[in-house]
N, C-alpha and C. Protein backbone atom coordinates (compact mmCIF):
# COMPACT_ATOMS: atom_id res chain seq x y z
N MET A 1 70.95 40.70 125.49
CA MET A 1 69.88 40.84 126.44
C MET A 1 70.28 41.94 127.42
N GLU A 2 69.34 42.80 127.71
CA GLU A 2 69.59 43.91 128.63
C GLU A 2 69.27 43.47 130.05
N VAL A 3 70.13 43.86 131.00
CA VAL A 3 69.96 43.49 132.40
C VAL A 3 70.12 44.75 133.24
N LEU A 4 69.30 44.84 134.28
CA LEU A 4 69.39 45.98 135.20
C LEU A 4 69.74 45.44 136.58
N ARG A 5 70.76 46.06 137.22
CA ARG A 5 71.21 45.61 138.54
C ARG A 5 71.26 46.82 139.46
N LYS A 6 70.54 46.73 140.59
CA LYS A 6 70.49 47.85 141.54
C LYS A 6 70.60 47.33 142.96
N TYR A 7 71.12 48.18 143.85
CA TYR A 7 71.14 47.90 145.28
C TYR A 7 70.14 48.87 145.91
N ILE A 8 69.16 48.32 146.62
CA ILE A 8 68.15 49.18 147.24
C ILE A 8 67.84 48.69 148.65
N ASP A 9 67.20 49.58 149.42
CA ASP A 9 66.76 49.21 150.76
C ASP A 9 65.58 48.27 150.67
N ALA A 10 65.60 47.24 151.49
CA ALA A 10 64.51 46.26 151.50
C ALA A 10 63.19 46.91 151.88
N ASP A 11 63.24 47.92 152.75
CA ASP A 11 62.00 48.58 153.18
C ASP A 11 61.24 49.18 152.01
N SER A 12 61.95 49.72 151.04
CA SER A 12 61.25 50.31 149.88
C SER A 12 60.67 49.24 148.98
N LEU A 13 61.31 48.07 148.97
CA LEU A 13 60.77 46.97 148.16
C LEU A 13 59.56 46.31 148.83
N MET A 14 59.53 46.34 150.15
CA MET A 14 58.44 45.71 150.89
C MET A 14 57.10 46.40 150.64
N THR A 15 57.12 47.63 150.16
CA THR A 15 55.86 48.30 149.81
C THR A 15 55.33 47.79 148.48
N ILE A 16 56.19 47.16 147.69
CA ILE A 16 55.81 46.66 146.37
C ILE A 16 55.47 45.18 146.41
N MET A 17 56.27 44.40 147.15
CA MET A 17 56.08 42.95 147.19
C MET A 17 56.39 42.40 148.57
N LYS A 18 55.84 41.23 148.84
CA LYS A 18 56.06 40.58 150.13
C LYS A 18 57.45 39.95 150.13
N LEU A 19 58.20 40.26 151.18
CA LEU A 19 59.55 39.73 151.34
C LEU A 19 59.66 39.07 152.70
N PRO A 20 60.60 38.15 152.87
CA PRO A 20 60.81 37.54 154.19
C PRO A 20 61.22 38.60 155.22
N GLU A 21 60.83 38.39 156.44
CA GLU A 21 61.16 39.33 157.52
C GLU A 21 62.66 39.48 157.70
N THR A 22 63.43 38.46 157.36
CA THR A 22 64.89 38.53 157.52
C THR A 22 65.51 39.57 156.59
N PHE A 23 64.78 40.01 155.57
CA PHE A 23 65.28 41.04 154.66
C PHE A 23 65.08 42.45 155.22
N LYS A 24 64.27 42.58 156.25
CA LYS A 24 63.92 43.90 156.78
C LYS A 24 65.18 44.64 157.24
N ASN A 25 65.23 45.95 156.93
CA ASN A 25 66.33 46.85 157.30
C ASN A 25 67.67 46.43 156.70
N ARG A 26 67.65 45.84 155.53
CA ARG A 26 68.89 45.42 154.86
C ARG A 26 68.93 46.00 153.46
N LYS A 27 70.10 46.05 152.92
CA LYS A 27 70.28 46.40 151.50
C LYS A 27 70.14 45.13 150.69
N LEU A 28 69.46 45.24 149.57
CA LEU A 28 69.25 44.09 148.69
C LEU A 28 69.79 44.39 147.30
N GLU A 29 70.26 43.35 146.66
CA GLU A 29 70.66 43.46 145.26
C GLU A 29 69.48 42.96 144.42
N VAL A 30 69.05 43.79 143.51
CA VAL A 30 67.93 43.44 142.65
C VAL A 30 68.44 43.35 141.22
N ILE A 31 68.19 42.23 140.60
CA ILE A 31 68.58 42.01 139.20
C ILE A 31 67.30 41.83 138.40
N ILE A 32 67.16 42.62 137.38
CA ILE A 32 65.96 42.57 136.54
C ILE A 32 66.34 42.09 135.14
N LEU A 33 65.69 41.01 134.74
CA LEU A 33 65.88 40.43 133.40
C LEU A 33 64.55 40.41 132.68
N PRO A 34 64.57 40.59 131.38
CA PRO A 34 63.30 40.47 130.65
C PRO A 34 62.82 39.01 130.64
N ALA A 35 61.54 38.83 130.85
CA ALA A 35 60.96 37.48 130.80
C ALA A 35 60.85 37.04 129.36
N GLU A 36 61.02 35.74 129.15
CA GLU A 36 60.85 35.23 127.80
C GLU A 36 59.38 35.29 127.44
N GLU A 37 59.10 35.86 126.31
CA GLU A 37 57.71 35.94 125.87
C GLU A 37 57.29 34.60 125.30
N GLN A 38 56.09 34.18 125.68
CA GLN A 38 55.57 32.94 125.12
C GLN A 38 55.10 33.21 123.71
N GLN A 39 55.54 32.36 122.83
CA GLN A 39 55.14 32.52 121.44
C GLN A 39 53.77 31.90 121.25
N LYS A 40 52.90 32.66 120.65
CA LYS A 40 51.57 32.15 120.37
C LYS A 40 51.64 31.30 119.12
N THR A 41 51.03 30.14 119.20
CA THR A 41 51.01 29.27 118.04
C THR A 41 49.59 29.24 117.50
N PHE A 42 49.49 29.49 116.24
CA PHE A 42 48.20 29.46 115.58
C PHE A 42 48.20 28.30 114.60
N LYS A 43 47.11 27.59 114.59
CA LYS A 43 46.99 26.51 113.62
C LYS A 43 46.68 27.13 112.28
N ARG A 44 47.46 26.73 111.34
CA ARG A 44 47.23 27.25 110.00
C ARG A 44 46.02 26.56 109.41
N THR A 45 45.35 27.28 108.55
CA THR A 45 44.16 26.73 107.90
C THR A 45 44.51 25.46 107.14
N SER A 46 45.69 25.43 106.54
CA SER A 46 46.08 24.25 105.77
C SER A 46 46.22 23.03 106.67
N ASP A 47 46.69 23.22 107.92
CA ASP A 47 46.80 22.10 108.86
C ASP A 47 45.42 21.53 109.19
N ILE A 48 44.47 22.42 109.41
CA ILE A 48 43.11 22.00 109.72
C ILE A 48 42.50 21.27 108.52
N GLU A 49 42.72 21.81 107.33
CA GLU A 49 42.19 21.18 106.13
C GLU A 49 42.79 19.79 105.93
N GLN A 50 44.08 19.63 106.20
CA GLN A 50 44.72 18.33 106.08
C GLN A 50 44.14 17.33 107.07
N ALA A 51 43.85 17.80 108.28
CA ALA A 51 43.25 16.91 109.28
C ALA A 51 41.87 16.45 108.83
N ILE A 52 41.10 17.36 108.29
CA ILE A 52 39.76 17.01 107.81
C ILE A 52 39.85 16.03 106.65
N GLN A 53 40.77 16.29 105.74
CA GLN A 53 40.93 15.39 104.58
C GLN A 53 41.34 13.99 105.02
N SER A 54 42.14 13.89 106.07
CA SER A 54 42.57 12.57 106.53
C SER A 54 41.41 11.78 107.13
N LEU A 55 40.37 12.47 107.57
CA LEU A 55 39.23 11.79 108.17
C LEU A 55 38.20 11.33 107.13
N ILE A 56 38.21 11.96 105.97
CA ILE A 56 37.23 11.61 104.95
C ILE A 56 37.47 10.18 104.52
N GLY A 57 36.44 9.40 104.56
CA GLY A 57 36.52 8.00 104.16
C GLY A 57 36.89 7.07 105.31
N ALA A 58 37.11 7.60 106.50
CA ALA A 58 37.44 6.74 107.63
C ALA A 58 36.28 5.81 107.94
N ILE A 59 35.08 6.32 107.83
CA ILE A 59 33.88 5.49 107.98
C ILE A 59 33.14 5.60 106.64
N PRO A 60 33.03 4.49 105.94
CA PRO A 60 32.38 4.56 104.63
C PRO A 60 30.91 4.97 104.76
N TYR A 61 30.49 5.79 103.83
CA TYR A 61 29.09 6.21 103.84
C TYR A 61 28.21 5.08 103.33
N THR A 62 27.28 4.68 104.14
CA THR A 62 26.31 3.68 103.75
C THR A 62 24.96 4.11 104.30
N ASP A 63 23.95 3.35 103.98
CA ASP A 63 22.63 3.64 104.52
C ASP A 63 22.44 3.00 105.90
N MET A 64 23.51 2.44 106.44
CA MET A 64 23.44 1.76 107.73
C MET A 64 23.43 2.79 108.87
N SER A 65 22.72 2.44 109.94
CA SER A 65 22.75 3.29 111.12
C SER A 65 24.05 3.04 111.87
N LEU A 66 24.35 3.91 112.83
CA LEU A 66 25.56 3.72 113.62
C LEU A 66 25.54 2.40 114.38
N GLU A 67 24.38 2.01 114.87
CA GLU A 67 24.25 0.74 115.58
C GLU A 67 24.55 -0.43 114.64
N GLU A 68 24.05 -0.35 113.41
CA GLU A 68 24.31 -1.42 112.43
C GLU A 68 25.80 -1.48 112.09
N LEU A 69 26.44 -0.31 111.92
CA LEU A 69 27.88 -0.28 111.65
C LEU A 69 28.66 -0.90 112.82
N ARG A 70 28.25 -0.58 114.03
CA ARG A 70 28.90 -1.12 115.22
C ARG A 70 28.80 -2.64 115.24
N GLU A 71 27.63 -3.15 115.00
CA GLU A 71 27.43 -4.61 115.00
C GLU A 71 28.26 -5.28 113.92
N GLU A 72 28.31 -4.65 112.74
CA GLU A 72 29.10 -5.20 111.65
C GLU A 72 30.58 -5.29 112.04
N ARG A 73 31.11 -4.21 112.66
CA ARG A 73 32.52 -4.20 113.07
C ARG A 73 32.79 -5.21 114.17
N LEU A 74 31.87 -5.34 115.11
CA LEU A 74 32.05 -6.32 116.18
C LEU A 74 32.12 -7.73 115.63
N LYS A 75 31.26 -8.03 114.67
CA LYS A 75 31.29 -9.37 114.06
C LYS A 75 32.58 -9.58 113.27
N LYS A 76 33.01 -8.53 112.56
CA LYS A 76 34.20 -8.66 111.72
C LYS A 76 35.44 -8.95 112.57
N TYR A 77 35.54 -8.35 113.74
CA TYR A 77 36.74 -8.47 114.54
C TYR A 77 36.59 -9.36 115.78
N GLU A 78 35.48 -10.10 115.91
CA GLU A 78 35.25 -10.88 117.13
C GLU A 78 36.23 -12.05 117.29
N ASN A 79 36.81 -12.57 116.22
CA ASN A 79 37.70 -13.73 116.31
C ASN A 79 39.17 -13.35 116.41
N ILE A 80 39.46 -12.07 116.50
CA ILE A 80 40.86 -11.63 116.59
C ILE A 80 41.31 -11.74 118.04
N ASP A 81 42.47 -12.39 118.22
CA ASP A 81 43.02 -12.55 119.58
C ASP A 81 44.13 -11.59 119.82
């Protein structure tokens, strides 16, 4: 990793960035390091396809409406403690 280290007058830095008043008229040591780049993560198409495949069949296809399916499930699980 490359690093840059310089000693400069605070007054010249104050034109670039806000510094505490206690730094005024002093020499400062400035160390510059490269920032870590954030890696972009992309979802692969195969991951998306696997997610979709895992959902197929989760709710069986019937001619029932969503309300009818809900009522059926409520009755099926109403006695579970």
